[in-house]
Amino acid sequence: MDRDMHLFPRAIVVVSLIGLLFAMNVLPARSIVCEDSCDDKSGEERLTCFNEVKEACEAKLKETSEKKQTLESTIKYLDNQIAFTQSKINQTVYQIEQLKKQITTLVGKISVLNSNLETTTRLLLRRITETYKQTKIHPLTIFFSSNGISDIINRYRYLRAVQINDRRVLFDLEEARAVFDDQKTIKEGKQQVVLGLQTELLEQRAVQDHQKKEKQFLFDVTENDEKRYQELLKKARAELVAIQAIIAGQGDETEVGDVNEGEKIASIMTEGPNLFACSTGPHLHFEVAKDQTYQNPFNFLSNKSVIWDNADPQQNATGSWRWPLEDPIRITQGFGETSYSSRYAGGIHTGVDMVNNDNREVKAVRKGKLYRGSISCRGGTLQYVRVSHGEDEYDSYYLHVNYI
């Protein structure tokens, strides 16, 4: 009991010291984290908070960007992407709100300035007119209508003072009009900034929508199962290695002969022991290469309506080549860093994956020499055909197919 009483004064001292430190703002503030909201702040403090949250999200995003080896870490990475984009959206929305308030204030100022300018201008013109009339009176008329020399002198002094004052008012009027013009210029500049930010906001929201679709895509293809995720990861990486080897000329190929544009050269594989050799199911993987370097197929295929059936932003074809499948064509994965390749293959998708469930015939996109090829891939055989378009040194590749 005596010992507890002895410690009691110390506790009071500690509590008092903590209170003093809070009062002096000496204790360190809690660090801003990515999940923080800035709703309790306003003005410049809120804008600073948005910047700090964005930096915190960026740091978390960087921390997880190289750790997508498990399903959990990949989801965490996607969550950080979404949070980082949300922090940018919050900042942009706030900037737009602040600018709109400033524009409203400027509109009010401009309206008042305009009204004052109009009133002052009318008064000044009236004064100048009266002054001008006074100066046009004949000296003799002034002389005979005056009560002596001193009255004449006073009248001339008055007219002189009025003219000086009118010139000063005119100068002030010009200054006010310059301020009016400046305020209009500032307002118009802020309106342009708002338009730019609104465009940026639309882009940021589109990016976030894409990121959310990526996350949902991940759940859909893995069924939230780590084992399935690892299997897809291995399969995608193996397919990437196999494709690189095929383009490098390492596939086992046999020449078939000349083919014309639109001629049937294969069919999409739908069954058999090699269906899932580096493949998630029936589809055509189409590639274009030149000098053993992959090209973007959308730069060669003709522009046409396709069904964009994946989480990524739609890509449009801009070339003149026919498509290897007949309509309707469903694109399950585009070219480049896609939701699938960036999560599993760790690189870019070098071709275009497409499906036509009604017509699985694969046709040559241009005339050339046809080759049948195969390469070992994860315990199976990845079958493909290649058409060499000798005139310009391009090769087109058609993977996951049956020969005809």
Protein backbone atom coordinates (compact mmCIF):
# COMPACT_ATOMS: atom_id res chain seq x y z
CA MET A 1 0.00 0.00 0.00
CA ASP A 2 2.82 2.41 0.92
CA ARG A 3 4.66 1.51 -2.30
CA ASP A 4 1.56 2.31 -4.41
CA MET A 5 1.16 5.64 -2.68
CA HIS A 6 4.79 6.36 -3.37
CA LEU A 7 4.29 5.70 -7.15
CA PHE A 8 1.15 7.83 -7.36
CA PRO A 9 2.94 11.21 -7.55
CA ARG A 10 5.14 9.84 -10.37
CA ALA A 11 2.07 8.89 -12.40
CA ILE A 12 0.74 12.41 -11.97
CA VAL A 13 4.04 13.83 -13.22
CA VAL A 14 4.04 11.52 -16.30
CA VAL A 15 0.43 12.40 -17.19
CA SER A 16 1.13 16.09 -16.71
CA LEU A 17 4.24 15.86 -18.89
CA ILE A 18 2.28 14.15 -21.71
CA GLY A 19 -0.39 16.83 -21.47
CA LEU A 20 2.28 19.52 -21.65
CA LEU A 21 3.87 17.90 -24.69
CA PHE A 22 0.50 17.81 -26.47
CA ALA A 23 -0.08 21.46 -25.61
CA MET A 24 3.32 22.37 -27.01
CA ASN A 25 2.78 20.19 -30.13
CA VAL A 26 6.03 18.39 -29.29
CA LEU A 27 4.68 14.83 -29.61
CA PRO A 28 5.08 13.51 -33.15
CA ALA A 29 1.89 13.55 -35.25
CA ARG A 30 0.48 10.26 -36.50
CA SER A 31 1.89 9.40 -39.92
CA ILE A 32 -0.45 9.74 -42.89
CA VAL A 33 -1.36 6.37 -44.40
CA CYS A 34 -2.89 5.43 -47.74
CA GLU A 35 -6.31 4.67 -46.21
CA ASP A 36 -6.62 8.09 -44.53
CA SER A 37 -9.44 10.50 -45.35
CA CYS A 38 -8.91 14.26 -45.46
CA ASP A 39 -12.56 15.14 -44.84
CA ASP A 40 -11.79 16.72 -41.46
CA LYS A 41 -9.46 19.29 -43.02
CA SER A 42 -10.04 22.35 -45.22
CA GLY A 43 -8.19 24.85 -47.37
CA GLU A 44 -4.45 24.43 -47.89
CA GLU A 45 -4.31 21.91 -45.03
CA ARG A 46 -6.68 19.62 -46.92
CA LEU A 47 -4.70 19.93 -50.15
CA THR A 48 -1.50 19.08 -48.23
CA CYS A 49 -3.29 16.07 -46.73
CA PHE A 50 -4.31 14.86 -50.21
CA ASN A 51 -0.68 15.09 -51.37
CA GLU A 52 0.55 13.14 -48.34
CA VAL A 53 -2.08 10.42 -48.80
CA LYS A 54 -1.14 10.14 -52.48
CA GLU A 55 2.55 9.78 -51.57
CA ALA A 56 1.68 7.13 -48.95
CA CYS A 57 -0.32 5.17 -51.55
CA GLU A 58 2.49 5.49 -54.07
CA ALA A 59 4.97 4.11 -51.53
CA LYS A 60 2.72 1.12 -50.78
CA LEU A 61 2.21 0.54 -54.49
CA LYS A 62 5.97 0.53 -55.08
CA GLU A 63 6.50 -1.80 -52.14
CA THR A 64 4.08 -4.42 -53.51
CA SER A 65 4.77 -4.00 -57.25
CA GLU A 66 7.56 -6.58 -57.31
CA LYS A 67 5.92 -9.07 -54.96
CA LYS A 68 3.11 -10.51 -57.08
CA GLN A 69 4.14 -14.12 -56.40
CA THR A 70 1.04 -15.18 -54.49
CA LEU A 71 -2.65 -14.52 -54.92
CA GLU A 72 -2.75 -12.58 -51.65
CA SER A 73 0.15 -10.30 -52.62
CA THR A 74 -1.31 -9.73 -56.08
CA ILE A 75 -4.67 -8.70 -54.61
CA LYS A 76 -2.84 -6.41 -52.20
CA TYR A 77 -1.01 -4.84 -55.14
CA LEU A 78 -4.29 -4.29 -56.99
CA ASP A 79 -5.87 -2.78 -53.86
CA ASN A 80 -2.94 -0.37 -53.62
CA GLN A 81 -3.37 0.56 -57.28
CA ILE A 82 -7.04 1.33 -56.69
CA ALA A 83 -6.29 3.31 -53.52
CA PHE A 84 -3.54 5.30 -55.24
CA THR A 85 -5.86 6.23 -58.10
CA GLN A 86 -8.59 7.13 -55.59
CA SER A 87 -6.17 9.50 -53.84
CA LYS A 88 -5.53 11.25 -57.16
CA ILE A 89 -9.28 11.41 -57.85
CA ASN A 90 -9.91 12.98 -54.40
CA GLN A 91 -7.24 15.60 -55.04
CA THR A 92 -8.55 16.43 -58.51
CA VAL A 93 -12.16 16.71 -57.25
CA TYR A 94 -11.04 19.04 -54.47
CA GLN A 95 -9.05 21.21 -56.88
CA ILE A 96 -12.08 21.49 -59.17
CA GLU A 97 -14.33 22.45 -56.23
CA GLN A 98 -11.89 25.13 -55.06
CA LEU A 99 -11.49 26.56 -58.55
CA LYS A 100 -15.26 26.70 -59.05
CA LYS A 101 -15.60 28.66 -55.79
CA GLN A 102 -12.88 31.06 -56.94
CA ILE A 103 -14.60 31.47 -60.30
CA THR A 104 -17.93 32.23 -58.58
CA THR A 105 -16.18 34.90 -56.47
CA LEU A 106 -14.54 36.36 -59.57
CA VAL A 107 -17.87 36.46 -61.40
CA GLY A 108 -19.31 38.50 -58.50
CA LYS A 109 -16.33 40.87 -58.51
CA ILE A 110 -16.52 41.31 -62.26
CA SER A 111 -20.25 42.06 -62.09
CA VAL A 112 -19.68 44.76 -59.44
CA LEU A 113 -16.72 46.20 -61.35
CA ASN A 114 -18.72 46.30 -64.55
CA SER A 115 -21.63 48.09 -62.85
CA ASN A 116 -19.29 50.62 -61.24
CA LEU A 117 -17.50 51.22 -64.52
CA GLU A 118 -20.74 51.89 -66.35
CA THR A 119 -21.96 54.34 -63.66
CA THR A 120 -18.62 56.14 -63.40
CA THR A 121 -18.34 56.38 -67.19
CA ARG A 122 -21.80 57.98 -67.50
CA LEU A 123 -21.03 60.50 -64.75
CA LEU A 124 -17.65 61.34 -66.23
CA LEU A 125 -19.09 61.90 -69.70
CA ARG A 126 -21.74 64.18 -68.25
CA ARG A 127 -19.12 66.17 -66.35
CA ILE A 128 -16.85 66.46 -69.38
CA THR A 129 -19.78 67.71 -71.46
CA GLU A 130 -20.66 70.38 -68.88
CA THR A 131 -17.02 71.40 -68.56
CA TYR A 132 -16.72 71.66 -72.32
CA LYS A 133 -19.78 73.93 -72.44
CA GLN A 134 -18.25 76.15 -69.78
CA THR A 135 -14.99 76.49 -71.67
CA LYS A 136 -16.84 77.50 -74.88
CA ILE A 137 -18.46 80.62 -73.20
CA HIS A 138 -17.09 83.84 -74.67
CA PRO A 139 -14.75 85.77 -72.30
CA LEU A 140 -16.84 88.94 -72.65
CA THR A 141 -19.93 87.06 -71.50
CA ILE A 142 -18.01 85.88 -68.43
CA PHE A 143 -16.70 89.41 -67.85
CA PHE A 144 -20.10 91.13 -67.95
CA SER A 145 -21.84 88.40 -65.94
CA SER A 146 -19.23 88.46 -63.17
CA ASN A 147 -19.19 90.55 -60.00
CA GLY A 148 -15.75 91.98 -60.42
CA ILE A 149 -12.25 90.73 -61.18
CA SER A 150 -12.05 88.42 -58.18
CA ASP A 151 -15.24 86.65 -59.30
CA ILE A 152 -13.79 86.15 -62.78
CA ILE A 153 -10.58 84.69 -61.34
CA ASN A 154 -12.53 82.37 -59.05
CA ARG A 155 -14.67 81.11 -61.93
CA TYR A 156 -11.59 80.31 -64.03
CA ARG A 157 -9.95 78.60 -61.05
CA TYR A 158 -13.07 76.53 -60.56
CA LEU A 159 -13.13 75.48 -64.22
CA ARG A 160 -9.44 74.61 -64.05
CA ALA A 161 -9.94 72.53 -60.90
CA VAL A 162 -12.89 70.72 -62.50
CA GLN A 163 -10.78 69.86 -65.56
CA ILE A 164 -7.93 68.54 -63.39
CA ASN A 165 -10.34 66.49 -61.34
CA ASP A 166 -11.98 65.11 -64.48
CA ARG A 167 -8.59 64.01 -65.80
CA ARG A 168 -7.86 62.26 -62.48
CA VAL A 169 -11.24 60.53 -62.55
CA LEU A 170 -10.56 59.48 -66.13
CA PHE A 171 -7.20 58.02 -65.08
CA ASP A 172 -8.85 56.15 -62.18
CA LEU A 173 -11.48 54.90 -64.60
CA GLU A 174 -8.83 53.47 -66.91
CA GLU A 175 -7.13 51.79 -63.96
CA ALA A 176 -10.44 50.26 -62.88
CA ARG A 177 -11.08 49.02 -66.39
CA ALA A 178 -7.61 47.43 -66.45
CA VAL A 179 -8.42 45.66 -63.16
CA PHE A 180 -11.73 44.55 -64.66
CA ASP A 181 -9.93 43.10 -67.69
CA ASP A 182 -7.38 41.37 -65.44
CA GLN A 183 -10.13 39.76 -63.38
CA LYS A 184 -11.80 38.50 -66.55
CA THR A 185 -8.50 37.04 -67.77
CA ILE A 186 -7.92 35.33 -64.41
CA LYS A 187 -11.46 33.92 -64.46
CA GLU A 188 -11.08 32.60 -68.01
CA GLY A 189 -7.71 31.05 -67.08
CA LYS A 190 -9.25 29.26 -64.09
CA GLN A 191 -12.10 28.03 -66.28
CA GLN A 192 -9.57 26.49 -68.67
CA VAL A 193 -7.80 24.81 -65.73
CA VAL A 194 -11.16 23.39 -64.59
CA LEU A 195 -11.80 21.97 -68.06
CA GLY A 196 -8.37 20.33 -68.02
CA LEU A 197 -8.93 18.90 -64.54
CA GLN A 198 -12.36 17.57 -65.53
CA THR A 199 -10.76 15.73 -68.47
CA GLU A 200 -8.06 14.42 -66.12
CA LEU A 201 -10.76 13.29 -63.68
CA LEU A 202 -12.55 11.31 -66.38
CA GLU A 203 -9.26 9.61 -67.28
CA GLN A 204 -8.50 8.83 -63.62
CA ARG A 205 -11.93 7.30 -63.11
CA ALA A 206 -11.52 5.22 -66.28
CA VAL A 207 -8.16 3.97 -64.96
CA GLN A 208 -9.74 3.05 -61.63
CA ASP A 209 -12.62 1.25 -63.35
CA HIS A 210 -10.03 -0.76 -65.27
CA GLN A 211 -8.14 -1.55 -62.06
CA LYS A 212 -11.34 -2.77 -60.39
CA LYS A 213 -12.08 -4.94 -63.43
CA GLU A 214 -8.56 -6.37 -63.19
CA LYS A 215 -9.18 -7.34 -59.59
CA GLN A 216 -12.50 -8.95 -60.47
CA PHE A 217 -10.85 -10.72 -63.40
CA LEU A 218 -8.27 -12.12 -61.00
CA PHE A 219 -11.00 -13.51 -58.74
CA ASP A 220 -12.87 -14.93 -61.74
CA VAL A 221 -9.94 -16.83 -63.26
CA THR A 222 -8.49 -18.06 -59.96
CA GLU A 223 -11.76 -18.58 -58.12
CA ASN A 224 -9.88 -17.07 -55.17
CA ASP A 225 -7.80 -20.22 -54.91
CA GLU A 226 -4.01 -20.03 -54.35
CA LYS A 227 -3.33 -23.40 -55.98
CA ARG A 228 -5.24 -22.39 -59.12
CA TYR A 229 -3.39 -19.08 -59.17
CA GLN A 230 0.01 -20.79 -59.05
CA GLU A 231 -1.03 -23.17 -61.81
CA LEU A 232 -2.10 -20.29 -64.06
CA LEU A 233 1.10 -18.42 -63.21
CA LYS A 234 3.26 -21.36 -64.29
CA LYS A 235 1.21 -21.96 -67.43
CA ALA A 236 1.37 -18.32 -68.54
CA ARG A 237 5.11 -18.10 -67.97
CA ALA A 238 5.67 -21.33 -69.86
CA GLU A 239 3.55 -20.05 -72.77
CA LEU A 240 5.56 -16.83 -72.89
CA VAL A 241 8.84 -18.79 -73.04
CA ALA A 242 7.42 -21.10 -75.74
CA ILE A 243 6.22 -18.17 -77.90
CA GLN A 244 9.60 -16.47 -77.62
CA ALA A 245 11.26 -19.73 -78.71
CA ILE A 246 8.88 -20.13 -81.68
CA ILE A 247 9.55 -16.60 -82.92
CA ALA A 248 13.28 -17.21 -82.48
CA GLY A 249 12.96 -20.16 -84.88
CA GLN A 250 13.33 -22.93 -82.30
CA GLY A 251 10.06 -24.70 -83.10
CA ASP A 252 10.01 -27.99 -85.00
CA GLU A 253 8.58 -26.91 -88.40
CA THR A 254 7.62 -28.59 -91.67
CA GLU A 255 6.97 -26.69 -94.90
CA VAL A 256 3.49 -27.29 -96.37
CA GLY A 257 3.42 -25.00 -99.39
CA ASP A 258 1.98 -21.76 -100.75
CA VAL A 259 -1.32 -20.39 -99.42
CA ASN A 260 -3.50 -17.49 -100.48
CA GLU A 261 -5.10 -14.81 -98.36
CA GLY A 262 -8.27 -16.15 -96.74
CA GLU A 263 -7.35 -19.79 -97.32
CA LYS A 264 -8.04 -22.19 -94.44
CA ILE A 265 -4.76 -23.22 -92.79
CA ALA A 266 -5.84 -24.69 -89.42
CA SER A 267 -8.65 -24.89 -86.85
CA ILE A 268 -8.81 -23.90 -83.18
CA MET A 269 -8.02 -26.89 -80.95
CA THR A 270 -11.01 -27.85 -78.79
CA GLU A 271 -10.04 -31.26 -77.43
CA GLY A 272 -7.19 -33.74 -77.14
CA PRO A 273 -4.17 -34.23 -74.90
CA ASN A 274 -2.52 -30.98 -76.07
CA LEU A 275 -5.52 -28.69 -75.52
CA PHE A 276 -4.15 -27.37 -72.22
CA ALA A 277 -0.48 -27.36 -73.20
CA CYS A 278 0.30 -23.80 -72.09
CA SER A 279 -3.33 -22.89 -72.71
CA THR A 280 -6.30 -22.11 -70.48
CA GLY A 281 -8.77 -23.46 -73.06
CA PRO A 282 -9.83 -23.25 -76.73
CA HIS A 283 -8.69 -20.01 -78.37
CA LEU A 284 -6.43 -18.74 -81.15
CA HIS A 285 -3.29 -16.88 -80.19
CA PHE A 286 -2.31 -14.70 -83.18
CA GLU A 287 1.18 -13.20 -83.51
CA VAL A 288 3.01 -11.05 -86.04
CA ALA A 289 6.82 -10.90 -86.16
CA LYS A 290 9.54 -9.37 -88.29
CA ASP A 291 13.22 -10.29 -88.04
CA GLN A 292 12.31 -12.52 -85.07
CA THR A 293 10.84 -9.56 -83.18
CA TYR A 294 7.18 -9.50 -82.21
CA GLN A 295 4.95 -6.72 -83.55
CA ASN A 296 1.58 -5.36 -82.44
CA PRO A 297 -0.99 -7.31 -84.50
CA PHE A 298 -3.48 -4.42 -84.25
CA ASN A 299 -1.14 -2.37 -86.44
CA PHE A 300 -1.69 -4.87 -89.27
CA LEU A 301 -5.24 -6.21 -88.91
CA SER A 302 -8.02 -4.20 -90.54
CA ASN A 303 -10.33 -2.04 -88.50
CA LYS A 304 -13.58 -3.84 -87.80
CA SER A 305 -16.16 -4.43 -85.10
CA VAL A 306 -15.14 -7.09 -82.57
CA ILE A 307 -16.47 -8.21 -79.19
CA TRP A 308 -14.05 -6.94 -76.54
CA ASP A 309 -14.41 -9.60 -73.85
CA ASN A 310 -11.71 -8.77 -71.27
CA ALA A 311 -10.96 -6.30 -68.48
CA ASP A 312 -8.55 -4.12 -70.46
CA PRO A 313 -9.25 -0.90 -72.42
CA GLN A 314 -10.32 -1.73 -75.98
CA GLN A 315 -7.70 -1.55 -78.70
CA ASN A 316 -8.56 -0.78 -82.31
CA ALA A 317 -6.95 -2.27 -85.39
CA THR A 318 -5.55 0.19 -87.94
CA GLY A 319 -4.03 -1.96 -90.71
CA SER A 320 -5.27 -3.63 -93.89
CA TRP A 321 -4.83 -7.38 -93.28
CA ARG A 322 -7.85 -9.67 -93.06
CA TRP A 323 -8.55 -11.34 -89.70
CA PRO A 324 -7.65 -15.01 -89.13
CA LEU A 325 -11.21 -15.81 -87.91
CA GLU A 326 -14.62 -15.07 -89.36
CA ASP A 327 -17.16 -12.91 -87.54
CA PRO A 328 -18.21 -12.71 -84.80
CA ILE A 329 -14.75 -12.43 -83.24
CA ARG A 330 -14.42 -12.21 -79.47
CA ILE A 331 -11.13 -10.80 -78.10
CA THR A 332 -10.22 -12.45 -74.81
CA GLN A 333 -6.83 -10.77 -74.45
CA GLY A 334 -5.29 -7.85 -76.31
CA PHE A 335 -1.69 -6.90 -77.05
CA GLY A 336 0.75 -5.46 -74.51
CA GLU A 337 0.63 -5.39 -70.73
CA THR A 338 -2.77 -6.87 -70.01
CA SER A 339 -4.64 -7.91 -66.89
CA TYR A 340 -3.57 -11.48 -67.60
CA SER A 341 0.05 -11.03 -68.64
CA SER A 342 0.97 -8.46 -66.00
CA ARG A 343 -0.40 -10.65 -63.21
CA TYR A 344 0.94 -14.02 -64.38
CA ALA A 345 3.52 -13.75 -67.11
CA GLY A 346 5.34 -10.80 -65.60
CA GLY A 347 5.71 -9.21 -69.03
CA ILE A 348 3.61 -8.25 -72.01
CA HIS A 349 1.24 -10.29 -74.10
CA THR A 350 2.95 -10.40 -77.47
CA GLY A 351 -0.10 -11.35 -79.53
CA VAL A 352 -3.91 -11.25 -79.55
CA ASP A 353 -6.14 -14.00 -78.18
CA MET A 354 -9.43 -14.46 -80.02
CA VAL A 355 -12.35 -16.87 -80.21
CA ASN A 356 -15.24 -17.72 -82.53
CA ASN A 357 -17.32 -20.48 -80.96
CA ASP A 358 -19.47 -20.95 -84.08
CA ASN A 359 -16.71 -21.16 -86.68
CA ARG A 360 -13.28 -22.38 -85.57
CA GLU A 361 -11.62 -22.24 -88.99
CA VAL A 362 -8.30 -20.37 -89.02
CA LYS A 363 -7.41 -18.56 -92.25
CA ALA A 364 -4.26 -16.93 -93.62
CA VAL A 365 -4.30 -13.17 -93.14
CA ARG A 366 -2.20 -12.74 -96.33
CA LYS A 367 -0.67 -14.96 -98.99
CA GLY A 368 2.64 -16.66 -98.26
CA LYS A 369 4.31 -19.96 -97.50
CA LEU A 370 2.69 -22.18 -94.86
CA TYR A 371 4.62 -24.13 -92.19
CA ARG A 372 3.30 -26.51 -89.53
CA GLY A 373 5.13 -26.29 -86.24
CA SER A 374 5.22 -27.58 -82.68
CA ILE A 375 7.18 -27.03 -79.49
CA SER A 376 7.25 -28.77 -76.13
CA CYS A 377 5.41 -26.87 -73.41
CA ARG A 378 4.79 -28.05 -69.83
CA GLY A 379 4.57 -31.73 -70.54
CA GLY A 380 2.51 -31.31 -73.72
CA THR A 381 2.95 -30.09 -77.28
CA LEU A 382 1.97 -26.59 -78.33
CA GLN A 383 0.87 -26.82 -81.99
CA TYR A 384 0.99 -23.85 -84.34
CA VAL A 385 1.18 -22.85 -88.00
CA ARG A 386 3.26 -20.06 -89.47
CA VAL A 387 2.81 -18.16 -92.74
CA SER A 388 5.92 -16.49 -94.11
CA HIS A 389 4.98 -13.38 -96.11
CA GLY A 390 8.31 -13.25 -97.93
CA GLU A 391 7.77 -10.02 -99.87
CA ASP A 392 8.11 -7.83 -96.75
CA GLU A 393 9.72 -10.32 -94.34
CA TYR A 394 6.74 -10.50 -91.99
CA ASP A 395 5.62 -13.78 -90.41
CA SER A 396 2.18 -14.48 -88.97
CA TYR A 397 1.77 -17.16 -86.26
CA TYR A 398 -1.39 -19.06 -85.28
CA LEU A 399 -1.08 -20.97 -81.97
CA HIS A 400 -3.16 -23.65 -80.18
CA VAL A 401 -4.48 -25.15 -83.43
CA ASN A 402 -5.12 -28.44 -85.19
CA TYR A 403 -3.53 -28.97 -88.60
CA ILE A 404 -5.73 -29.56 -91.65
